[in-house]
C-alpha atoms as a PDB file:
ATOM      1  CA  UNK A   1     134.886   6.397-119.836  1.00  0.00           C
ATOM      2  CA  UNK A   2     133.169   4.369-118.360  1.00  0.00           C
ATOM      3  CA  UNK A   3     136.236   2.506-117.696  1.00  0.00           C
ATOM      4  CA  UNK A   4     137.532   5.568-115.131  1.00  0.00           C
ATOM      5  CA  UNK A   5     134.360   6.123-113.778  1.00  0.00           C
ATOM      6  CA  UNK A   6     133.894   2.365-112.462  1.00  0.00           C
ATOM      7  CA  UNK A   7     137.728   3.053-111.135  1.00  0.00           C
ATOM      8  CA  UNK A   8     136.192   5.682-109.228  1.00  0.00           C
ATOM      9  CA  UNK A   9     133.679   3.863-107.906  1.00  0.00           C
ATOM     10  CA  UNK A  10     135.976   1.272-106.425  1.00  0.00           C
ATOM     11  CA  UNK A  11     138.436   3.598-105.486  1.00  0.00           C
ATOM     12  CA  UNK A  12     135.595   5.323-102.807  1.00  0.00           C
ATOM     13  CA  UNK A  13     134.320   8.029-105.091  1.00  0.00           C
ATOM     14  CA  UNK A  14     130.989   7.898-103.404  1.00  0.00           C
ATOM     15  CA  UNK A  15     128.087   9.602-104.574  1.00  0.00           C
ATOM     16  CA  UNK A  16     127.521   9.479-108.006  1.00  0.00           C
ATOM     17  CA  UNK A  17     124.651   6.931-109.344  1.00  0.00           C
ATOM     18  CA  UNK A  18     126.503   4.047-111.310  1.00  0.00           C
ATOM     19  CA  UNK A  19     125.131   1.746-114.300  1.00  0.00           C
ATOM     20  CA  UNK A  20     126.425  -1.682-113.183  1.00  0.00           C
ATOM     21  CA  UNK A  21     126.288  -5.011-114.928  1.00  0.00           C
ATOM     22  CA  UNK A  22     125.894  -8.279-112.928  1.00  0.00           C
ATOM     23  CA  UNK A  23     126.736 -11.008-115.333  1.00  0.00           C
ATOM     24  CA  UNK A  24     126.312 -15.052-113.564  1.00  0.00           C
ATOM     25  CA  UNK A  25     126.409 -18.004-115.460  1.00  0.00           C
ATOM     26  CA  UNK A  26     123.656 -19.789-112.824  1.00  0.00           C
ATOM     27  CA  UNK A  27     121.910 -18.627-110.522  1.00  0.00           C
ATOM     28  CA  UNK A  28     123.316 -17.804-106.929  1.00  0.00           C
ATOM     29  CA  UNK A  29     126.919 -17.139-108.613  1.00  0.00           C
ATOM     30  CA  UNK A  30     126.694 -13.258-108.295  1.00  0.00           C
ATOM     31  CA  UNK A  31     125.422 -13.737-105.358  1.00  0.00           C
ATOM     32  CA  UNK A  32     127.819 -15.659-104.054  1.00  0.00           C
ATOM     33  CA  UNK A  33     130.495 -13.500-105.453  1.00  0.00           C
ATOM     34  CA  UNK A  34     129.599 -10.499-105.300  1.00  0.00           C
ATOM     35  CA  UNK A  35     126.407 -10.034-103.397  1.00  0.00           C
ATOM     36  CA  UNK A  36     128.342  -8.057-100.216  1.00  0.00           C
ATOM     37  CA  UNK A  37     129.639  -5.702-102.370  1.00  0.00           C
ATOM     38  CA  UNK A  38     126.724  -5.171-104.496  1.00  0.00           C
ATOM     39  CA  UNK A  39     125.401  -4.226-100.686  1.00  0.00           C
ATOM     40  CA  UNK A  40     128.111  -1.679 -99.963  1.00  0.00           C
ATOM     41  CA  UNK A  41     128.189   0.097-103.880  1.00  0.00           C
ATOM     42  CA  UNK A  42     123.962   0.796-104.004  1.00  0.00           C
ATOM     43  CA  UNK A  43     124.791   1.942 -99.764  1.00  0.00           C
ATOM     44  CA  UNK A  44     127.744   4.870-101.242  1.00  0.00           C
ATOM     45  CA  UNK A  45     126.066   5.146-104.582  1.00  0.00           C
ATOM     46  CA  UNK A  46     122.488   6.714-104.320  1.00  0.00           C
ATOM     47  CA  UNK A  47     120.281   6.141-107.401  1.00  0.00           C
ATOM     48  CA  UNK A  48     122.458   3.873-109.129  1.00  0.00           C
ATOM     49  CA  UNK A  49     120.966   1.465-111.535  1.00  0.00           C
ATOM     50  CA  UNK A  50     121.516  -2.428-111.899  1.00  0.00           C
ATOM     51  CA  UNK A  51     121.355  -4.528-115.142  1.00  0.00           C
ATOM     52  CA  UNK A  52     121.311  -8.573-113.282  1.00  0.00           C
ATOM     53  CA  UNK A  53     121.525 -11.506-115.765  1.00  0.00           C
ATOM     54  CA  UNK A  54     121.517 -15.215-115.081  1.00  0.00           C
ATOM     55  CA  UNK A  55     122.255 -17.478-117.416  1.00  0.00           C
ATOM     56  CA  UNK A  56     121.204 -21.004-116.936  1.00  0.00           C
ATOM     57  CA  UNK A  57     118.169 -21.993-115.019  1.00  0.00           C
ATOM     58  CA  UNK A  58     115.340 -24.075-113.918  1.00  0.00           C
ATOM     59  CA  UNK A  59     111.765 -22.258-113.049  1.00  0.00           C
ATOM     60  CA  UNK A  60     112.592 -23.507-109.454  1.00  0.00           C
ATOM     61  CA  UNK A  61     115.844 -21.543-109.235  1.00  0.00           C
ATOM     62  CA  UNK A  62     114.269 -18.559-111.576  1.00  0.00           C
ATOM     63  CA  UNK A  63     111.970 -17.863-108.686  1.00  0.00           C
ATOM     64  CA  UNK A  64     114.708 -18.440-105.954  1.00  0.00           C
ATOM     65  CA  UNK A  65     117.384 -15.684-107.791  1.00  0.00           C
ATOM     66  CA  UNK A  66     114.952 -13.409-108.341  1.00  0.00           C
ATOM     67  CA  UNK A  67     113.714 -13.693-104.649  1.00  0.00           C
ATOM     68  CA  UNK A  68     117.564 -12.786-103.733  1.00  0.00           C
ATOM     69  CA  UNK A  69     118.084 -10.083-106.535  1.00  0.00           C
ATOM     70  CA  UNK A  70     115.106  -8.204-105.037  1.00  0.00           C
ATOM     71  CA  UNK A  71     116.478  -8.299-101.627  1.00  0.00           C
ATOM     72  CA  UNK A  72     120.094  -7.826-102.514  1.00  0.00           C
ATOM     73  CA  UNK A  73     118.946  -4.881-105.138  1.00  0.00           C
ATOM     74  CA  UNK A  74     116.297  -3.422-102.715  1.00  0.00           C
ATOM     75  CA  UNK A  75     118.853  -0.189-102.718  1.00  0.00           C
ATOM     76  CA  UNK A  76     118.921   0.409-106.569  1.00  0.00           C
ATOM     77  CA  UNK A  77     116.987   3.212-108.202  1.00  0.00           C
ATOM     78  CA  UNK A  78     116.210   0.780-110.513  1.00  0.00           C
ATOM     79  CA  UNK A  79     116.918  -2.822-111.097  1.00  0.00           C
ATOM     80  CA  UNK A  80     116.602  -5.220-114.655  1.00  0.00           C
ATOM     81  CA  UNK A  81     116.900  -8.392-113.474  1.00  0.00           C
ATOM     82  CA  UNK A  82     116.854 -11.134-116.558  1.00  0.00           C
ATOM     83  CA  UNK A  83     117.139 -14.845-116.538  1.00  0.00           C
ATOM     84  CA  UNK A  84     117.937 -16.770-119.089  1.00  0.00           C
ATOM     85  CA  UNK A  85     117.349 -20.998-119.623  1.00  0.00           C
ATOM     86  CA  UNK A  86     120.919 -22.126-121.382  1.00  0.00           C
ATOM     87  CA  UNK A  87     121.814 -25.333-121.213  1.00  0.00           C
ATOM     88  CA  UNK A  88     123.380 -25.784-117.373  1.00  0.00           C
ATOM     89  CA  UNK A  89     127.576 -27.036-117.891  1.00  0.00           C
ATOM     90  CA  UNK A  90     127.140 -26.825-121.632  1.00  0.00           C
ATOM     91  CA  UNK A  91     127.876 -23.002-121.907  1.00  0.00           C
ATOM     92  CA  UNK A  92     131.433 -23.920-124.172  1.00  0.00           C
ATOM     93  CA  UNK A  93     128.945 -25.558-126.853  1.00  0.00           C
ATOM     94  CA  UNK A  94     126.579 -22.768-127.409  1.00  0.00           C
ATOM     95  CA  UNK A  95     128.415 -19.976-127.960  1.00  0.00           C
ATOM     96  CA  UNK A  96     126.654 -18.326-130.954  1.00  0.00           C
ATOM     97  CA  UNK A  97     123.813 -18.296-129.052  1.00  0.00           C
ATOM     98  CA  UNK A  98     125.418 -16.697-125.399  1.00  0.00           C
ATOM     99  CA  UNK A  99     127.333 -14.648-127.936  1.00  0.00           C
ATOM    100  CA  UNK A 100     124.204 -13.176-129.143  1.00  0.00           C
ATOM    101  CA  UNK A 101     122.651 -12.622-125.994  1.00  0.00           C
ATOM    102  CA  UNK A 102     125.907 -10.511-124.839  1.00  0.00           C
ATOM    103  CA  UNK A 103     126.061  -8.759-127.575  1.00  0.00           C
ATOM    104  CA  UNK A 104     122.102  -7.688-127.266  1.00  0.00           C
ATOM    105  CA  UNK A 105     123.137  -6.561-123.440  1.00  0.00           C
ATOM    106  CA  UNK A 106     125.996  -4.463-124.843  1.00  0.00           C
ATOM    107  CA  UNK A 107     123.181  -2.551-126.595  1.00  0.00           C
ATOM    108  CA  UNK A 108     120.815  -2.512-124.056  1.00  0.00           C
ATOM    109  CA  UNK A 109     122.918  -0.619-121.592  1.00  0.00           C
ATOM    110  CA  UNK A 110     126.104   1.256-121.068  1.00  0.00           C
ATOM    111  CA  UNK A 111     127.252   0.011-117.582  1.00  0.00           C
ATOM    112  CA  UNK A 112     130.399   1.990-115.553  1.00  0.00           C
ATOM    113  CA  UNK A 113     130.716  -1.461-114.044  1.00  0.00           C
ATOM    114  CA  UNK A 114     130.860  -5.091-115.169  1.00  0.00           C
ATOM    115  CA  UNK A 115     131.093  -8.029-112.420  1.00  0.00           C
ATOM    116  CA  UNK A 116     131.889 -11.293-113.701  1.00  0.00           C
ATOM    117  CA  UNK A 117     133.456 -14.552-113.258  1.00  0.00           C
ATOM    118  CA  UNK A 118     137.032 -15.094-112.762  1.00  0.00           C
ATOM    119  CA  UNK A 119     138.823 -15.729-116.262  1.00  0.00           C
ATOM    120  CA  UNK A 120     141.016 -18.811-114.490  1.00  0.00           C
ATOM    121  CA  UNK A 121     137.594 -20.391-112.521  1.00  0.00           C
ATOM    122  CA  UNK A 122     137.483 -23.978-113.732  1.00  0.00           C
ATOM    123  CA  UNK A 123     134.062 -24.375-114.116  1.00  0.00           C
ATOM    124  CA  UNK A 124     133.733 -24.214-117.566  1.00  0.00           C
ATOM    125  CA  UNK A 125     130.390 -21.873-117.884  1.00  0.00           C
ATOM    126  CA  UNK A 126     131.883 -19.971-115.484  1.00  0.00           C
ATOM    127  CA  UNK A 127     135.209 -19.316-117.445  1.00  0.00           C
ATOM    128  CA  UNK A 128     133.086 -19.088-120.516  1.00  0.00           C
ATOM    129  CA  UNK A 129     131.290 -16.216-119.203  1.00  0.00           C
ATOM    130  CA  UNK A 130     133.835 -14.382-118.113  1.00  0.00           C
ATOM    131  CA  UNK A 131     136.017 -14.792-121.611  1.00  0.00           C
ATOM    132  CA  UNK A 132     132.844 -13.415-123.107  1.00  0.00           C
ATOM    133  CA  UNK A 133     132.851 -10.027-121.233  1.00  0.00           C
ATOM    134  CA  UNK A 134     136.056  -9.674-121.716  1.00  0.00           C
ATOM    135  CA  UNK A 135     135.386  -9.867-126.008  1.00  0.00           C
ATOM    136  CA  UNK A 136     131.874  -7.860-125.507  1.00  0.00           C
ATOM    137  CA  UNK A 137     132.447  -5.205-123.237  1.00  0.00           C
ATOM    138  CA  UNK A 138     135.945  -3.489-124.196  1.00  0.00           C
ATOM    139  CA  UNK A 139     135.623  -0.103-122.583  1.00  0.00           C
ATOM    140  CA  UNK A 140     134.278  -0.612-119.668  1.00  0.00           C
ATOM    141  CA  UNK A 141     135.807  -1.728-115.960  1.00  0.00           C
ATOM    142  CA  UNK A 142     135.919  -5.370-115.460  1.00  0.00           C
ATOM    143  CA  UNK A 143     135.635  -6.901-112.304  1.00  0.00           C
ATOM    144  CA  UNK A 144     135.983 -10.926-111.803  1.00  0.00           C
ATOM    145  CA  UNK A 145     134.482 -12.260-108.598  1.00  0.00           C
ATOM    146  CA  UNK A 146     135.423 -15.277-107.074  1.00  0.00           C
ATOM    147  CA  UNK A 147     132.772 -18.792-106.338  1.00  0.00           C
ATOM    148  CA  UNK A 148     134.260 -21.409-103.542  1.00  0.00           C
ATOM    149  CA  UNK A 149     134.096 -24.798-104.893  1.00  0.00           C
ATOM    150  CA  UNK A 150     135.628 -28.489-104.748  1.00  0.00           C
ATOM    151  CA  UNK A 151     137.931 -27.214-107.529  1.00  0.00           C
ATOM    152  CA  UNK A 152     139.929 -25.521-105.456  1.00  0.00           C
ATOM    153  CA  UNK A 153     140.392 -22.208-107.691  1.00  0.00           C
ATOM    154  CA  UNK A 154     140.260 -19.132-105.481  1.00  0.00           C
ATOM    155  CA  UNK A 155     143.183 -17.847-106.658  1.00  0.00           C
ATOM    156  CA  UNK A 156     145.317 -14.608-105.686  1.00  0.00           C
ATOM    157  CA  UNK A 157     142.900 -11.547-105.818  1.00  0.00           C
ATOM    158  CA  UNK A 158     143.866  -8.005-106.178  1.00  0.00           C
ATOM    159  CA  UNK A 159     141.275  -5.724-105.148  1.00  0.00           C
ATOM    160  CA  UNK A 160     139.298  -5.857-101.801  1.00  0.00           C
ATOM    161  CA  UNK A 161     136.310  -4.551-100.729  1.00  0.00           C
ATOM    162  CA  UNK A 162     136.080  -4.499 -96.932  1.00  0.00           C
ATOM    163  CA  UNK A 163     132.552  -5.128 -95.312  1.00  0.00           C
ATOM    164  CA  UNK A 164     130.673  -4.407 -92.099  1.00  0.00           C
ATOM    165  CA  UNK A 165     129.393  -7.374 -89.765  1.00  0.00           C
ATOM    166  CA  UNK A 166     126.016  -6.378 -90.763  1.00  0.00           C
ATOM    167  CA  UNK A 167     126.186  -6.439 -94.504  1.00  0.00           C
ATOM    168  CA  UNK A 168     128.186  -9.912 -94.424  1.00  0.00           C
ATOM    169  CA  UNK A 169     125.448 -10.996 -91.928  1.00  0.00           C
ATOM    170  CA  UNK A 170     123.201  -9.945 -94.703  1.00  0.00           C
ATOM    171  CA  UNK A 171     124.512 -11.776 -97.554  1.00  0.00           C
ATOM    172  CA  UNK A 172     124.501 -14.779 -95.990  1.00  0.00           C
ATOM    173  CA  UNK A 173     121.133 -14.442 -94.726  1.00  0.00           C
ATOM    174  CA  UNK A 174     119.704 -13.909 -98.032  1.00  0.00           C
ATOM    175  CA  UNK A 175     121.719 -16.631 -99.948  1.00  0.00           C
ATOM    176  CA  UNK A 176     120.570 -19.127 -97.102  1.00  0.00           C
ATOM    177  CA  UNK A 177     116.662 -17.858 -97.394  1.00  0.00           C
ATOM    178  CA  UNK A 178     116.372 -17.683-100.541  1.00  0.00           C
ATOM    179  CA  UNK A 179     118.142 -20.555-102.249  1.00  0.00           C
ATOM    180  CA  UNK A 180     116.388 -23.651-100.766  1.00  0.00           C
ATOM    181  CA  UNK A 181     117.391 -26.027-103.440  1.00  0.00           C
ATOM    182  CA  UNK A 182     120.901 -25.588-102.446  1.00  0.00           C
ATOM    183  CA  UNK A 183     120.435 -26.591 -98.511  1.00  0.00           C
ATOM    184  CA  UNK A 184     121.570 -30.220 -99.681  1.00  0.00           C
ATOM    185  CA  UNK A 185     124.834 -29.598-101.318  1.00  0.00           C
ATOM    186  CA  UNK A 186     127.541 -29.472 -98.923  1.00  0.00           C
ATOM    187  CA  UNK A 187     129.580 -26.697 -99.484  1.00  0.00           C
ATOM    188  CA  UNK A 188     126.116 -24.328 -99.151  1.00  0.00           C
ATOM    189  CA  UNK A 189     126.521 -23.241 -95.654  1.00  0.00           C
ATOM    190  CA  UNK A 190     126.746 -20.119 -93.926  1.00  0.00           C
ATOM    191  CA  UNK A 191     130.307 -21.150 -92.324  1.00  0.00           C
ATOM    192  CA  UNK A 192     131.793 -21.511 -95.693  1.00  0.00           C
ATOM    193  CA  UNK A 193     130.790 -18.224 -97.058  1.00  0.00           C
ATOM    194  CA  UNK A 194     131.999 -16.697 -94.105  1.00  0.00           C
ATOM    195  CA  UNK A 195     135.433 -18.224 -94.642  1.00  0.00           C
ATOM    196  CA  UNK A 196     135.556 -17.062 -97.432  1.00  0.00           C
ATOM    197  CA  UNK A 197     135.026 -13.446 -96.196  1.00  0.00           C
ATOM    198  CA  UNK A 198     136.857 -13.841 -93.049  1.00  0.00           C
ATOM    199  CA  UNK A 199     140.123 -15.303 -95.117  1.00  0.00           C
ATOM    200  CA  UNK A 200     139.538 -11.901 -97.681  1.00  0.00           C
ATOM    201  CA  UNK A 201     139.512 -10.116 -94.475  1.00  0.00           C
ATOM    202  CA  UNK A 202     143.010 -10.782 -93.494  1.00  0.00           C
ATOM    203  CA  UNK A 203     144.226 -10.277 -96.517  1.00  0.00           C
ATOM    204  CA  UNK A 204     143.257  -6.629 -96.519  1.00  0.00           C
ATOM    205  CA  UNK A 205     143.264  -5.765 -92.493  1.00  0.00           C
ATOM    206  CA  UNK A 206     139.593  -4.786 -93.446  1.00  0.00           C
ATOM    207  CA  UNK A 207     138.429  -3.141 -89.741  1.00  0.00           C
ATOM    208  CA  UNK A 208     135.310  -6.137 -89.638  1.00  0.00           C
ATOM    209  CA  UNK A 209     137.720  -8.375 -90.469  1.00  0.00           C
ATOM    210  CA  UNK A 210     135.076  -9.590 -93.232  1.00  0.00           C
ATOM    211  CA  UNK A 211     135.886  -8.727 -97.316  1.00  0.00           C
ATOM    212  CA  UNK A 212     134.572  -9.690-100.732  1.00  0.00           C
ATOM    213  CA  UNK A 213     137.786 -10.362-103.280  1.00  0.00           C
ATOM    214  CA  UNK A 214     138.425  -9.516-106.770  1.00  0.00           C
ATOM    215  CA  UNK A 215     140.944  -9.776-110.107  1.00  0.00           C
ATOM    216  CA  UNK A 216     141.205  -6.919-112.205  1.00  0.00           C
ATOM    217  CA  UNK A 217     143.795  -7.214-114.626  1.00  0.00           C
ATOM    218  CA  UNK A 218     142.967  -3.580-116.244  1.00  0.00           C
ATOM    219  CA  UNK A 219     142.242  -0.310-114.094  1.00  0.00           C
ATOM    220  CA  UNK A 220     142.403   3.446-115.716  1.00  0.00           C
ATOM    221  CA  UNK A 221     141.907   6.106-113.269  1.00  0.00           C
END
């Protein structure tokens, strides 16, 4: 079962290729939430396939995310990048169209692991994507990533992925180089991204003091 295959990946059964689906409401969400984990998974599981989806974009933002994802997924045997143009901030009011797209995605791939937003994220688009993920992918390991923001909704994760210092630096470098449109935002700083990884590294006693953290509601091993 896909749920078990994904669980083995997180529990350290390295080697076997995986099919990974990454779902982000906006360009840069996946990269911020689990960029380091993607780098580690692709290193631990050579030959893996990644399906990457960003749902809201502009032409400029699409170019940024394609550049960032191209770097983060360089270790994948196959990477499919889909960038849609649903209206930013209006996802709950565009439910049927986005749900139809999710159903199309389910028919197009059978992921072992689904990386998506946290269901208790306070951004309406993020939360809606998380809810549709659970509604659509019912026999898969769903791992919910976190994104720092003004609302202060990081919560209490229950799964940690320790990262090496080199992987953490690479993630931050890709974010800062790729997403020039976000440079004016006060929170879009190397210090912010490192601080979150440092905090999660403390919480799981990571060897290099750095980690990404996730919420997993169901795990079958």
